[in-house]
PDB file of N, CA and C in Angstrom:
ATOM      1  N   MET A   1       0.834  -1.185   0.000  1.00  0.00           N
ATOM      2  CA  MET A   1       0.000   0.000   0.000  1.00  0.00           C
ATOM      3  C   MET A   1       0.880   1.249   0.000  1.00  0.00           C
ATOM      4  N   VAL A   2       0.561   2.192  -0.839  1.00  0.00           N
ATOM      5  CA  VAL A   2       1.323   3.426  -0.943  1.00  0.00           C
ATOM      6  C   VAL A   2       0.753   4.457   0.027  1.00  0.00           C
ATOM      7  N   SER A   3       1.641   5.099   0.768  1.00  0.00           N
ATOM      8  CA  SER A   3       1.191   6.092   1.748  1.00  0.00           C
ATOM      9  C   SER A   3       0.615   7.325   1.050  1.00  0.00           C
ATOM     10  N   ILE A   4      -0.161   8.085   1.789  1.00  0.00           N
ATOM     11  CA  ILE A   4      -0.768   9.320   1.267  1.00  0.00           C
ATOM     12  C   ILE A   4       0.328  10.301   0.855  1.00  0.00           C
ATOM     13  N   ASP A   5       1.397  10.401   1.676  1.00  0.00           N
ATOM     14  CA  ASP A   5       2.486  11.317   1.338  1.00  0.00           C
ATOM     15  C   ASP A   5       3.139  10.922   0.014  1.00  0.00           C
ATOM     16  N   LYS A   6       3.365   9.638  -0.191  1.00  0.00           N
ATOM     17  CA  LYS A   6       3.976   9.157  -1.439  1.00  0.00           C
ATOM     18  C   LYS A   6       3.057   9.449  -2.617  1.00  0.00           C
ATOM     19  N   GLN A   7       1.743   9.260  -2.437  1.00  0.00           N
ATOM     20  CA  GLN A   7       0.785   9.543  -3.508  1.00  0.00           C
ATOM     21  C   GLN A   7       0.810  11.030  -3.862  1.00  0.00           C
ATOM     22  N   ASN A   8       0.844  11.888  -2.856  1.00  0.00           N
ATOM     23  CA  ASN A   8       0.875  13.334  -3.100  1.00  0.00           C
ATOM     24  C   ASN A   8       2.163  13.746  -3.793  1.00  0.00           C
ATOM     25  N   ASN A   9       3.298  13.169  -3.372  1.00  0.00           N
ATOM     26  CA  ASN A   9       4.571  13.467  -4.016  1.00  0.00           C
ATOM     27  C   ASN A   9       4.552  13.023  -5.474  1.00  0.00           C
ATOM     28  N   LEU A  10       3.985  11.855  -5.742  1.00  0.00           N
ATOM     29  CA  LEU A  10       3.914  11.348  -7.103  1.00  0.00           C
ATOM     30  C   LEU A  10       3.071  12.271  -7.980  1.00  0.00           C
ATOM     31  N   LYS A  11       1.943  12.741  -7.464  1.00  0.00           N
ATOM     32  CA  LYS A  11       1.099  13.665  -8.227  1.00  0.00           C
ATOM     33  C   LYS A  11       1.864  14.937  -8.559  1.00  0.00           C
ATOM     34  N   CYS A  12       2.635  15.445  -7.605  1.00  0.00           N
ATOM     35  CA  CYS A  12       3.417  16.662  -7.845  1.00  0.00           C
ATOM     36  C   CYS A  12       4.525  16.413  -8.857  1.00  0.00           C
ATOM     37  N   GLU A  13       5.173  15.255  -8.776  1.00  0.00           N
ATOM     38  CA  GLU A  13       6.232  14.920  -9.734  1.00  0.00           C
ATOM     39  C   GLU A  13       5.666  14.774 -11.140  1.00  0.00           C
ATOM     40  N   VAL A  14       4.532  14.109 -11.266  1.00  0.00           N
ATOM     41  CA  VAL A  14       3.888  13.960 -12.569  1.00  0.00           C
ATOM     42  C   VAL A  14       3.503  15.336 -13.101  1.00  0.00           C
ATOM     43  N   GLY A  15       2.925  16.164 -12.256  1.00  0.00           N
ATOM     44  CA  GLY A  15       2.529  17.505 -12.664  1.00  0.00           C
ATOM     45  C   GLY A  15       3.704  18.326 -13.163  1.00  0.00           C
ATOM     46  N   ALA A  16       4.836  18.231 -12.472  1.00  0.00           N
ATOM     47  CA  ALA A  16       6.033  18.974 -12.880  1.00  0.00           C
ATOM     48  C   ALA A  16       6.533  18.491 -14.235  1.00  0.00           C
ATOM     49  N   LYS A  17       6.482  17.195 -14.466  1.00  0.00           N
ATOM     50  CA  LYS A  17       6.922  16.647 -15.755  1.00  0.00           C
ATOM     51  C   LYS A  17       5.980  17.070 -16.879  1.00  0.00           C
ATOM     52  N   LEU A  18       4.689  17.087 -16.590  1.00  0.00           N
ATOM     53  CA  LEU A  18       3.732  17.546 -17.601  1.00  0.00           C
ATOM     54  C   LEU A  18       4.004  19.007 -17.958  1.00  0.00           C
ATOM     55  N   LYS A  19       4.212  19.826 -16.951  1.00  0.00           N
ATOM     56  CA  LYS A  19       4.469  21.241 -17.197  1.00  0.00           C
ATOM     57  C   LYS A  19       5.755  21.434 -17.990  1.00  0.00           C
ATOM     58  N   ASP A  20       6.814  20.735 -17.594  1.00  0.00           N
ATOM     59  CA  ASP A  20       8.091  20.855 -18.299  1.00  0.00           C
ATOM     60  C   ASP A  20       7.950  20.484 -19.772  1.00  0.00           C
ATOM     61  N   ARG A  21       7.279  19.373 -20.031  1.00  0.00           N
ATOM     62  CA  ARG A  21       7.135  18.919 -21.417  1.00  0.00           C
ATOM     63  C   ARG A  21       6.255  19.887 -22.215  1.00  0.00           C
ATOM     64  N   ARG A  22       5.193  20.377 -21.606  1.00  0.00           N
ATOM     65  CA  ARG A  22       4.317  21.339 -22.281  1.00  0.00           C
ATOM     66  C   ARG A  22       5.109  22.582 -22.668  1.00  0.00           C
ATOM     67  N   GLU A  23       5.926  23.059 -21.741  1.00  0.00           N
ATOM     68  CA  GLU A  23       6.719  24.247 -22.019  1.00  0.00           C
ATOM     69  C   GLU A  23       7.778  23.986 -23.085  1.00  0.00           C
ATOM     70  N   GLN A  24       8.373  22.784 -23.079  1.00  0.00           N
ATOM     71  CA  GLN A  24       9.333  22.423 -24.129  1.00  0.00           C
ATOM     72  C   GLN A  24       8.690  22.498 -25.508  1.00  0.00           C
ATOM     73  N   LEU A  25       7.438  22.094 -25.565  1.00  0.00           N
ATOM     74  CA  LEU A  25       6.709  22.087 -26.836  1.00  0.00           C
ATOM     75  C   LEU A  25       6.048  23.432 -27.137  1.00  0.00           C
ATOM     76  N   LYS A  26       6.250  24.395 -26.245  1.00  0.00           N
ATOM     77  CA  LYS A  26       5.700  25.751 -26.400  1.00  0.00           C
ATOM     78  C   LYS A  26       4.172  25.738 -26.572  1.00  0.00           C
ATOM     79  N   MET A  27       3.540  24.925 -25.740  1.00  0.00           N
ATOM     80  CA  MET A  27       2.082  24.823 -25.739  1.00  0.00           C
ATOM     81  C   MET A  27       1.542  25.524 -24.497  1.00  0.00           C
ATOM     82  N   THR A  28       0.322  26.013 -24.603  1.00  0.00           N
ATOM     83  CA  THR A  28      -0.353  26.571 -23.436  1.00  0.00           C
ATOM     84  C   THR A  28      -1.141  25.467 -22.744  1.00  0.00           C
ATOM     85  N   GLN A  29      -1.564  25.751 -21.527  1.00  0.00           N
ATOM     86  CA  GLN A  29      -2.433  24.795 -20.838  1.00  0.00           C
ATOM     87  C   GLN A  29      -3.720  24.603 -21.627  1.00  0.00           C
ATOM     88  N   ARG A  30      -4.206  25.667 -22.213  1.00  0.00           N
ATOM     89  CA  ARG A  30      -5.433  25.588 -23.013  1.00  0.00           C
ATOM     90  C   ARG A  30      -5.226  24.664 -24.224  1.00  0.00           C
ATOM     91  N   ASP A  31      -4.071  24.771 -24.891  1.00  0.00           N
ATOM     92  CA  ASP A  31      -3.765  23.902 -26.037  1.00  0.00           C
ATOM     93  C   ASP A  31      -3.838  22.433 -25.632  1.00  0.00           C
ATOM     94  N   VAL A  32      -3.190  22.122 -24.520  1.00  0.00           N
ATOM     95  CA  VAL A  32      -3.147  20.729 -24.053  1.00  0.00           C
ATOM     96  C   VAL A  32      -4.541  20.266 -23.652  1.00  0.00           C
ATOM     97  N   ALA A  33      -5.234  21.085 -22.907  1.00  0.00           N
ATOM     98  CA  ALA A  33      -6.582  20.728 -22.456  1.00  0.00           C
ATOM     99  C   ALA A  33      -7.492  20.418 -23.641  1.00  0.00           C
ATOM    100  N   GLN A  34      -7.458  21.255 -24.666  1.00  0.00           N
ATOM    101  CA  GLN A  34      -8.283  21.023 -25.854  1.00  0.00           C
ATOM    102  C   GLN A  34      -7.872  19.736 -26.556  1.00  0.00           C
ATOM    103  N   ALA A  35      -6.570  19.486 -26.632  1.00  0.00           N
ATOM    104  CA  ALA A  35      -6.075  18.298 -27.330  1.00  0.00           C
ATOM    105  C   ALA A  35      -6.493  16.998 -26.644  1.00  0.00           C
ATOM    106  N   ILE A  36      -6.610  17.028 -25.317  1.00  0.00           N
ATOM    107  CA  ILE A  36      -6.981  15.798 -24.603  1.00  0.00           C
ATOM    108  C   ILE A  36      -8.441  15.775 -24.169  1.00  0.00           C
ATOM    109  N   GLY A  37      -9.184  16.844 -24.486  1.00  0.00           N
ATOM    110  CA  GLY A  37     -10.624  16.849 -24.237  1.00  0.00           C
ATOM    111  C   GLY A  37     -11.058  17.160 -22.817  1.00  0.00           C
ATOM    112  N   VAL A  38     -10.315  18.051 -22.152  1.00  0.00           N
ATOM    113  CA  VAL A  38     -10.730  18.499 -20.818  1.00  0.00           C
ATOM    114  C   VAL A  38     -10.734  20.016 -20.794  1.00  0.00           C
ATOM    115  N   ALA A  39     -11.343  20.576 -19.776  1.00  0.00           N
ATOM    116  CA  ALA A  39     -11.325  22.025 -19.593  1.00  0.00           C
ATOM    117  C   ALA A  39      -9.941  22.448 -19.099  1.00  0.00           C
ATOM    118  N   GLN A  40      -9.552  23.662 -19.416  1.00  0.00           N
ATOM    119  CA  GLN A  40      -8.232  24.160 -19.014  1.00  0.00           C
ATOM    120  C   GLN A  40      -8.021  24.093 -17.505  1.00  0.00           C
ATOM    121  N   PRO A  41      -9.015  24.457 -16.667  1.00  0.00           N
ATOM    122  CA  PRO A  41      -8.796  24.351 -15.218  1.00  0.00           C
ATOM    123  C   PRO A  41      -8.535  22.912 -14.744  1.00  0.00           C
ATOM    124  N   VAL A  42      -9.100  21.941 -15.436  1.00  0.00           N
ATOM    125  CA  VAL A  42      -8.843  20.537 -15.079  1.00  0.00           C
ATOM    126  C   VAL A  42      -7.391  20.203 -15.369  1.00  0.00           C
ATOM    127  N   TYR A  43      -6.926  20.564 -16.571  1.00  0.00           N
ATOM    128  CA  TYR A  43      -5.526  20.288 -16.901  1.00  0.00           C
ATOM    129  C   TYR A  43      -4.585  21.033 -15.940  1.00  0.00           C
ATOM    130  N   GLN A  44      -4.936  22.240 -15.584  1.00  0.00           N
ATOM    131  CA  GLN A  44      -4.118  23.019 -14.643  1.00  0.00           C
ATOM    132  C   GLN A  44      -3.952  22.250 -13.330  1.00  0.00           C
ATOM    133  N   ARG A  45      -5.008  21.585 -12.884  1.00  0.00           N
ATOM    134  CA  ARG A  45      -4.942  20.792 -11.646  1.00  0.00           C
ATOM    135  C   ARG A  45      -4.024  19.589 -11.806  1.00  0.00           C
ATOM    136  N   PHE A  46      -3.944  19.017 -13.021  1.00  0.00           N
ATOM    137  CA  PHE A  46      -2.991  17.927 -13.263  1.00  0.00           C
ATOM    138  C   PHE A  46      -1.571  18.438 -13.018  1.00  0.00           C
ATOM    139  N   GLU A  47      -1.249  19.595 -13.594  1.00  0.00           N
ATOM    140  CA  GLU A  47       0.099  20.151 -13.463  1.00  0.00           C
ATOM    141  C   GLU A  47       0.417  20.532 -12.025  1.00  0.00           C
ATOM    142  N   LYS A  48      -0.566  20.973 -11.284  1.00  0.00           N
ATOM    143  CA  LYS A  48      -0.341  21.365  -9.890  1.00  0.00           C
ATOM    144  C   LYS A  48      -0.283  20.163  -8.954  1.00  0.00           C
ATOM    145  N   GLY A  49      -0.629  18.987  -9.449  1.00  0.00           N
ATOM    146  CA  GLY A  49      -0.617  17.800  -8.608  1.00  0.00           C
ATOM    147  C   GLY A  49      -1.799  17.712  -7.680  1.00  0.00           C
ATOM    148  N   VAL A  50      -2.869  18.425  -8.023  1.00  0.00           N
ATOM    149  CA  VAL A  50      -4.068  18.450  -7.186  1.00  0.00           C
ATOM    150  C   VAL A  50      -5.053  17.375  -7.609  1.00  0.00           C
ATOM    151  N   PHE A  51      -5.027  17.024  -8.874  1.00  0.00           N
ATOM    152  CA  PHE A  51      -6.034  16.142  -9.453  1.00  0.00           C
ATOM    153  C   PHE A  51      -5.348  15.077 -10.296  1.00  0.00           C
ATOM    154  N   GLU A  52      -5.787  13.828 -10.188  1.00  0.00           N
ATOM    155  CA  GLU A  52      -5.224  12.735 -10.979  1.00  0.00           C
ATOM    156  C   GLU A  52      -5.979  12.594 -12.286  1.00  0.00           C
ATOM    157  N   CYS A  53      -5.245  12.280 -13.329  1.00  0.00           N
ATOM    158  CA  CYS A  53      -5.896  12.060 -14.621  1.00  0.00           C
ATOM    159  C   CYS A  53      -6.354  10.602 -14.730  1.00  0.00           C
ATOM    160  N   SER A  54      -7.299  10.378 -15.610  1.00  0.00           N
ATOM    161  CA  SER A  54      -7.797   9.021 -15.862  1.00  0.00           C
ATOM    162  C   SER A  54      -6.814   8.292 -16.774  1.00  0.00           C
ATOM    163  N   TYR A  55      -7.025   7.006 -16.950  1.00  0.00           N
ATOM    164  CA  TYR A  55      -6.179   6.221 -17.863  1.00  0.00           C
ATOM    165  C   TYR A  55      -6.249   6.773 -19.276  1.00  0.00           C
ATOM    166  N   SER A  56      -7.433   7.126 -19.723  1.00  0.00           N
ATOM    167  CA  SER A  56      -7.562   7.635 -21.094  1.00  0.00           C
ATOM    168  C   SER A  56      -6.889   9.000 -21.232  1.00  0.00           C
ATOM    169  N   GLN A  57      -6.943   9.815 -20.205  1.00  0.00           N
ATOM    170  CA  GLN A  57      -6.263  11.109 -20.239  1.00  0.00           C
ATOM    171  C   GLN A  57      -4.744  10.924 -20.186  1.00  0.00           C
ATOM    172  N   LEU A  58      -4.284   9.969 -19.384  1.00  0.00           N
ATOM    173  CA  LEU A  58      -2.864   9.653 -19.327  1.00  0.00           C
ATOM    174  C   LEU A  58      -2.361   9.200 -20.696  1.00  0.00           C
ATOM    175  N   TYR A  59      -3.122   8.331 -21.332  1.00  0.00           N
ATOM    176  CA  TYR A  59      -2.777   7.859 -22.674  1.00  0.00           C
ATOM    177  C   TYR A  59      -2.685   9.036 -23.650  1.00  0.00           C
ATOM    178  N   ALA A  60      -3.687   9.911 -23.620  1.00  0.00           N
ATOM    179  CA  ALA A  60      -3.714  11.062 -24.530  1.00  0.00           C
ATOM    180  C   ALA A  60      -2.529  11.993 -24.268  1.00  0.00           C
ATOM    181  N   LEU A  61      -2.187  12.207 -23.013  1.00  0.00           N
ATOM    182  CA  LEU A  61      -1.047  13.058 -22.682  1.00  0.00           C
ATOM    183  C   LEU A  61       0.266  12.450 -23.176  1.00  0.00           C
ATOM    184  N   CYS A  62       0.422  11.163 -22.980  1.00  0.00           N
ATOM    185  CA  CYS A  62       1.640  10.492 -23.440  1.00  0.00           C
ATOM    186  C   CYS A  62       1.770  10.574 -24.959  1.00  0.00           C
ATOM    187  N   LYS A  63       0.679  10.370 -25.672  1.00  0.00           N
ATOM    188  CA  LYS A  63       0.701  10.473 -27.135  1.00  0.00           C
ATOM    189  C   LYS A  63       1.003  11.910 -27.567  1.00  0.00           C
ATOM    190  N   LEU A  64       0.327  12.865 -26.975  1.00  0.00           N
ATOM    191  CA  LEU A  64       0.504  14.269 -27.333  1.00  0.00           C
ATOM    192  C   LEU A  64       1.942  14.731 -27.076  1.00  0.00           C
ATOM    193  N   PHE A  65       2.488  14.358 -25.933  1.00  0.00           N
ATOM    194  CA  PHE A  65       3.810  14.815 -25.532  1.00  0.00           C
ATOM    195  C   PHE A  65       4.936  13.892 -26.002  1.00  0.00           C
ATOM    196  N   ASP A  66       4.584  12.767 -26.631  1.00  0.00           N
ATOM    197  CA  ASP A  66       5.559  11.793 -27.109  1.00  0.00           C
ATOM    198  C   ASP A  66       6.489  11.335 -25.977  1.00  0.00           C
ATOM    199  N   ILE A  67       5.856  10.939 -24.875  1.00  0.00           N
ATOM    200  CA  ILE A  67       6.570  10.426 -23.710  1.00  0.00           C
ATOM    201  C   ILE A  67       5.877   9.148 -23.248  1.00  0.00           C
ATOM    202  N   SER A  68       6.548   8.392 -22.404  1.00  0.00           N
ATOM    203  CA  SER A  68       5.944   7.159 -21.891  1.00  0.00           C
ATOM    204  C   SER A  68       5.295   7.401 -20.530  1.00  0.00           C
ATOM    205  N   ALA A  69       4.346   6.557 -20.216  1.00  0.00           N
ATOM    206  CA  ALA A  69       3.732   6.613 -18.882  1.00  0.00           C
ATOM    207  C   ALA A  69       4.778   6.272 -17.826  1.00  0.00           C
ATOM    208  N   ASP A  70       5.707   5.388 -18.162  1.00  0.00           N
ATOM    209  CA  ASP A  70       6.791   5.065 -17.231  1.00  0.00           C
ATOM    210  C   ASP A  70       7.606   6.310 -16.880  1.00  0.00           C
ATOM    211  N   TYR A  71       7.857   7.146 -17.865  1.00  0.00           N
ATOM    212  CA  TYR A  71       8.583   8.396 -17.603  1.00  0.00           C
ATOM    213  C   TYR A  71       7.783   9.277 -16.642  1.00  0.00           C
ATOM    214  N   LEU A  72       6.508   9.451 -16.931  1.00  0.00           N
ATOM    215  CA  LEU A  72       5.683  10.303 -16.065  1.00  0.00           C
ATOM    216  C   LEU A  72       5.645   9.793 -14.629  1.00  0.00           C
ATOM    217  N   LEU A  73       5.644   8.476 -14.471  1.00  0.00           N
ATOM    218  CA  LEU A  73       5.542   7.888 -13.139  1.00  0.00           C
ATOM    219  C   LEU A  73       6.891   7.716 -12.454  1.00  0.00           C
ATOM    220  N   GLY A  74       7.957   8.156 -13.129  1.00  0.00           N
ATOM    221  CA  GLY A  74       9.285   8.071 -12.525  1.00  0.00           C
ATOM    222  C   GLY A  74       9.925   6.706 -12.629  1.00  0.00           C
ATOM    223  N   LEU A  75       9.435   5.869 -13.542  1.00  0.00           N
ATOM    224  CA  LEU A  75       9.969   4.522 -13.703  1.00  0.00           C
ATOM    225  C   LEU A  75      10.986   4.413 -14.835  1.00  0.00           C
ATOM    226  N   ALA A  76      11.134   5.479 -15.621  1.00  0.00           N
ATOM    227  CA  ALA A  76      12.079   5.523 -16.726  1.00  0.00           C
ATOM    228  C   ALA A  76      12.561   6.955 -16.913  1.00  0.00           C
ATOM    229  N   ASP A  77      13.705   7.089 -17.539  1.00  0.00           N
ATOM    230  CA  ASP A  77      14.271   8.429 -17.743  1.00  0.00           C
ATOM    231  C   ASP A  77      13.570   9.235 -18.815  1.00  0.00           C
ATOM    232  N   TYR A  78      12.891   8.562 -19.782  1.00  0.00           N
ATOM    233  CA  TYR A  78      12.166   9.284 -20.819  1.00  0.00           C
ATOM    234  C   TYR A  78      11.243   8.402 -21.568  1.00  0.00           C
TER     235      TYR A  78
END
């Protein structure tokens, strides 16, 4: 079982990676939100580590950003 602190840290780490990749691609939060089919405030919560994305949203983010889910979860370097 993963502790609450570990879960919160993971959400923040994922959010930071999403933000970094979005900025590398020179996209806005609105661009990403539209591309994956969510409202901009929802995507903003992903980046802040406040809200977890669904499997389908994770898949869409990985495809859009050309990264692996393993990378987002800290299981691989890229």
